[in-house]
Amino acid sequence: MEQLSACITDRMIDLSIISSDDKDCYCYSVQGLLEKITCLSLIIFCASIFHSLIGVLAFLSVYILIRRSSDGIHCKTTIGCFCASTAMALSTIWVARIMNCAICIGGVFCAMAVLCIVATFNNPDLNLTESELNHLKRRSRSTCLITSGIVVIIILIFPRKEIVFYFALGVIYNAISVLIAIICERRNQSDGKEEA
């Protein structure tokens, strides 16, 4: 991916779309975009094979909408992120089949509580000011509450439709991702204290 993104960026410089001073920034951005396209393509392909494309797309729509502002686990490597994202999205195919309406609503309410209380912490990679962090927390909470509210309404209207379980899993998996990120962050902090 690095070589392909470098080739694309070099071509953009040759066509005078960007300046050579911006090469590193654009190379990084193009690489990220290519990785997301590849991951999403694999998820869509596998979901199609399992006849669950609509459900997985429903999951991704809710998951991505909330994840954009709630933060969550970040893998250290591109391949780790690729594998984790693909496994997570495809696991919804089997999890959705064992869910029921009560589990869905309970899971969404628990996930809402987690996301509203602990989502958007000041990750060292972000290095946010207090004002920026507060703004991001407000945006995260409102996105979570609105999206989760819509998901609960959909569950109540269509309790027997499997697709609503995918919507619910989008909220639930976000909360799990945030909890894992917090656990990893605390573990990293305690490891850092032990080394000092």
Protein backbone atom coordinates (compact mmCIF):
# COMPACT_ATOMS: atom_id res chain seq x y z
CA MET A 1 0.00 0.00 0.00
CA GLU A 2 2.87 2.36 0.78
CA GLN A 3 4.37 1.94 -2.69
CA LEU A 4 1.01 2.38 -4.41
CA SER A 5 0.19 5.49 -2.38
CA ALA A 6 3.67 6.88 -3.16
CA CYS A 7 3.07 6.27 -6.90
CA ILE A 8 -0.32 7.99 -6.75
CA THR A 9 1.13 10.92 -4.82
CA ASP A 10 4.04 11.24 -7.28
CA ARG A 11 1.55 11.28 -10.13
CA MET A 12 -0.43 14.03 -8.37
CA ILE A 13 2.78 16.07 -8.08
CA ASP A 14 3.58 15.46 -11.77
CA LEU A 15 0.11 16.74 -12.71
CA SER A 16 0.61 19.80 -10.44
CA ILE A 17 -2.39 18.83 -8.31
CA ILE A 18 -0.29 19.11 -5.15
CA SER A 19 3.11 20.56 -4.35
CA SER A 20 6.08 18.37 -3.55
CA ASP A 21 6.18 19.95 -0.06
CA ASP A 22 2.88 18.20 0.73
CA LYS A 23 4.00 14.79 -0.51
CA ASP A 24 4.30 13.08 2.89
CA CYS A 25 0.90 14.30 4.06
CA TYR A 26 -0.84 13.22 0.86
CA CYS A 27 1.03 9.92 0.73
CA TYR A 28 -0.21 9.12 4.24
CA SER A 29 -3.77 10.17 3.37
CA VAL A 30 -3.86 8.18 0.13
CA GLN A 31 -2.51 5.13 1.92
CA GLY A 32 -5.24 5.41 4.57
CA LEU A 33 -7.90 5.78 1.90
CA LEU A 34 -6.61 2.76 -0.04
CA GLU A 35 -6.57 0.67 3.13
CA LYS A 36 -10.16 1.64 3.97
CA ILE A 37 -11.33 0.86 0.43
CA THR A 38 -9.58 -2.52 0.52
CA CYS A 39 -11.01 -3.40 3.93
CA LEU A 40 -14.52 -2.30 3.00
CA SER A 41 -14.33 -4.22 -0.29
CA LEU A 42 -13.32 -7.41 1.53
CA ILE A 43 -16.11 -6.96 4.09
CA ILE A 44 -18.70 -6.40 1.34
CA PHE A 45 -17.42 -9.41 -0.63
CA CYS A 46 -17.53 -11.74 2.40
CA ALA A 47 -20.92 -10.42 3.54
CA SER A 48 -22.27 -11.11 0.05
CA ILE A 49 -21.01 -14.67 0.20
CA PHE A 50 -22.87 -15.19 3.48
CA HIS A 51 -26.01 -13.48 2.10
CA SER A 52 -25.81 -10.78 4.78
CA LEU A 53 -24.77 -7.74 2.77
CA ILE A 54 -27.70 -5.52 3.79
CA GLY A 55 -27.26 -6.40 7.47
CA VAL A 56 -23.52 -5.77 7.48
CA LEU A 57 -24.04 -2.46 5.67
CA ALA A 58 -26.63 -1.52 8.32
CA PHE A 59 -24.08 -2.36 11.03
CA LEU A 60 -21.34 -0.36 9.33
CA SER A 61 -23.57 2.68 8.85
CA VAL A 62 -24.35 2.90 12.59
CA TYR A 63 -20.87 1.86 13.71
CA ILE A 64 -19.05 4.39 11.53
CA LEU A 65 -21.48 7.19 12.38
CA ILE A 66 -20.88 6.79 16.12
CA ARG A 67 -17.19 5.85 15.84
CA ARG A 68 -16.34 9.10 14.08
CA SER A 69 -16.87 10.99 17.32
CA SER A 70 -16.65 8.40 20.10
CA ASP A 71 -13.08 7.19 19.54
CA GLY A 72 -12.26 3.59 20.41
CA ILE A 73 -9.53 1.03 20.00
CA HIS A 74 -6.70 1.81 17.57
CA CYS A 75 -4.40 -0.95 16.36
CA LYS A 76 -0.69 -0.27 16.18
CA THR A 77 -0.28 -1.66 12.68
CA THR A 78 -2.21 -1.37 9.44
CA ILE A 79 -2.56 -5.13 9.12
CA GLY A 80 -3.85 -5.31 12.70
CA CYS A 81 -6.48 -2.68 11.93
CA PHE A 82 -7.42 -4.43 8.69
CA CYS A 83 -7.84 -7.82 10.38
CA ALA A 84 -9.66 -6.44 13.42
CA SER A 85 -12.08 -4.37 11.31
CA THR A 86 -12.86 -7.25 8.98
CA ALA A 87 -13.31 -9.77 11.81
CA MET A 88 -15.51 -7.37 13.77
CA ALA A 89 -17.80 -6.58 10.84
CA LEU A 90 -18.12 -10.20 9.77
CA SER A 91 -18.73 -11.43 13.34
CA THR A 92 -22.03 -9.52 13.27
CA ILE A 93 -23.38 -12.09 10.80
CA TRP A 94 -23.32 -14.79 13.47
CA VAL A 95 -24.05 -12.58 16.48
CA ALA A 96 -27.16 -11.09 14.83
CA ARG A 97 -28.58 -14.59 14.33
CA ILE A 98 -28.54 -15.39 18.06
CA MET A 99 -29.96 -12.06 19.25
CA ASN A 100 -33.51 -11.29 20.25
CA CYS A 101 -35.41 -8.07 20.89
CA ALA A 102 -34.77 -7.99 24.66
CA ILE A 103 -31.02 -8.53 24.26
CA CYS A 104 -30.98 -5.85 21.58
CA ILE A 105 -32.71 -3.19 23.64
CA GLY A 106 -30.75 -4.04 26.80
CA GLY A 107 -27.48 -4.05 24.88
CA VAL A 108 -28.22 -0.72 23.21
CA PHE A 109 -29.13 0.94 26.53
CA CYS A 110 -25.96 -0.40 28.19
CA ALA A 111 -23.89 0.72 25.21
CA MET A 112 -25.52 4.17 25.32
CA ALA A 113 -24.56 4.50 28.98
CA VAL A 114 -20.96 3.47 28.29
CA LEU A 115 -20.66 5.79 25.30
CA CYS A 116 -22.19 8.77 27.10
CA ILE A 117 -20.08 8.30 30.22
CA VAL A 118 -16.65 7.33 28.92
CA ALA A 119 -16.51 7.85 25.16
CA THR A 120 -14.07 10.37 23.77
CA PHE A 121 -11.26 10.35 26.25
CA ASN A 122 -8.11 12.35 25.62
CA ASN A 123 -6.11 9.81 23.70
CA PRO A 124 -2.38 10.76 23.68
CA ASP A 125 -2.43 10.51 19.88
CA LEU A 126 -5.06 13.27 19.74
CA ASN A 127 -3.50 15.56 22.37
CA LEU A 128 -6.63 17.70 22.66
CA THR A 129 -6.98 20.87 24.70
CA GLU A 130 -9.64 20.88 27.42
CA SER A 131 -11.93 22.98 25.22
CA GLU A 132 -11.49 20.68 22.21
CA LEU A 133 -12.08 17.61 24.36
CA ASN A 134 -15.29 19.07 25.83
CA HIS A 135 -16.56 19.97 22.36
CA LEU A 136 -15.79 16.48 21.08
CA LYS A 137 -17.49 14.89 24.10
CA ARG A 138 -20.66 16.94 23.51
CA ARG A 139 -20.69 15.96 19.84
CA SER A 140 -20.04 12.32 20.71
CA ARG A 141 -22.83 12.20 23.28
CA SER A 142 -25.38 13.85 21.01
CA THR A 143 -24.44 11.57 18.10
CA CYS A 144 -24.67 8.53 20.36
CA LEU A 145 -28.00 9.51 21.90
CA ILE A 146 -29.64 10.39 18.58
CA THR A 147 -28.34 7.32 16.74
CA SER A 148 -29.10 4.95 19.63
CA GLY A 149 -32.56 6.47 20.04
CA ILE A 150 -33.31 5.87 16.38
CA VAL A 151 -32.02 2.28 16.70
CA VAL A 152 -34.28 1.63 19.72
CA ILE A 153 -37.29 3.01 17.83
CA ILE A 154 -36.48 0.78 14.85
CA ILE A 155 -36.18 -2.23 17.19
CA LEU A 156 -39.56 -1.47 18.75
CA ILE A 157 -41.25 -1.00 15.37
CA PHE A 158 -39.69 -4.08 13.72
CA PRO A 159 -38.78 -6.42 16.61
CA ARG A 160 -38.64 -9.58 14.52
CA LYS A 161 -36.52 -8.26 11.63
CA GLU A 162 -32.93 -9.48 11.69
CA ILE A 163 -31.63 -6.23 10.20
CA VAL A 164 -32.50 -4.31 13.38
CA PHE A 165 -30.05 -6.53 15.26
CA TYR A 166 -27.29 -5.29 12.95
CA PHE A 167 -28.22 -1.68 13.76
CA ALA A 168 -28.08 -2.53 17.48
CA LEU A 169 -24.71 -4.22 17.08
CA GLY A 170 -23.34 -1.00 15.58
CA VAL A 171 -24.02 0.74 18.89
CA ILE A 172 -22.94 -2.21 21.07
CA TYR A 173 -19.66 -2.81 19.22
CA ASN A 174 -18.80 0.90 19.58
CA ALA A 175 -19.15 0.65 23.35
CA ILE A 176 -17.01 -2.50 23.39
CA SER A 177 -14.36 -0.74 21.30
CA VAL A 178 -14.29 2.22 23.71
CA LEU A 179 -13.99 -0.08 26.73
CA ILE A 180 -11.13 -2.01 25.12
CA ALA A 181 -9.37 1.27 24.27
CA ILE A 182 -9.66 2.48 27.87
CA ILE A 183 -8.34 -0.82 29.23
CA CYS A 184 -5.39 -0.71 26.80
CA GLU A 185 -4.67 2.94 27.64
CA ARG A 186 -4.66 2.24 31.38
CA ARG A 187 -2.45 -0.79 30.88
CA ASN A 188 -0.02 1.31 28.83
CA GLN A 189 0.01 3.99 31.52
CA SER A 190 0.71 1.44 34.27
CA ASP A 191 3.47 -0.15 32.15
CA GLY A 192 4.99 3.31 31.71
CA LYS A 193 4.97 3.93 35.49
CA GLU A 194 6.66 0.59 36.15
CA GLU A 195 9.45 1.40 33.70
CA ALA A 196 10.09 4.82 35.29
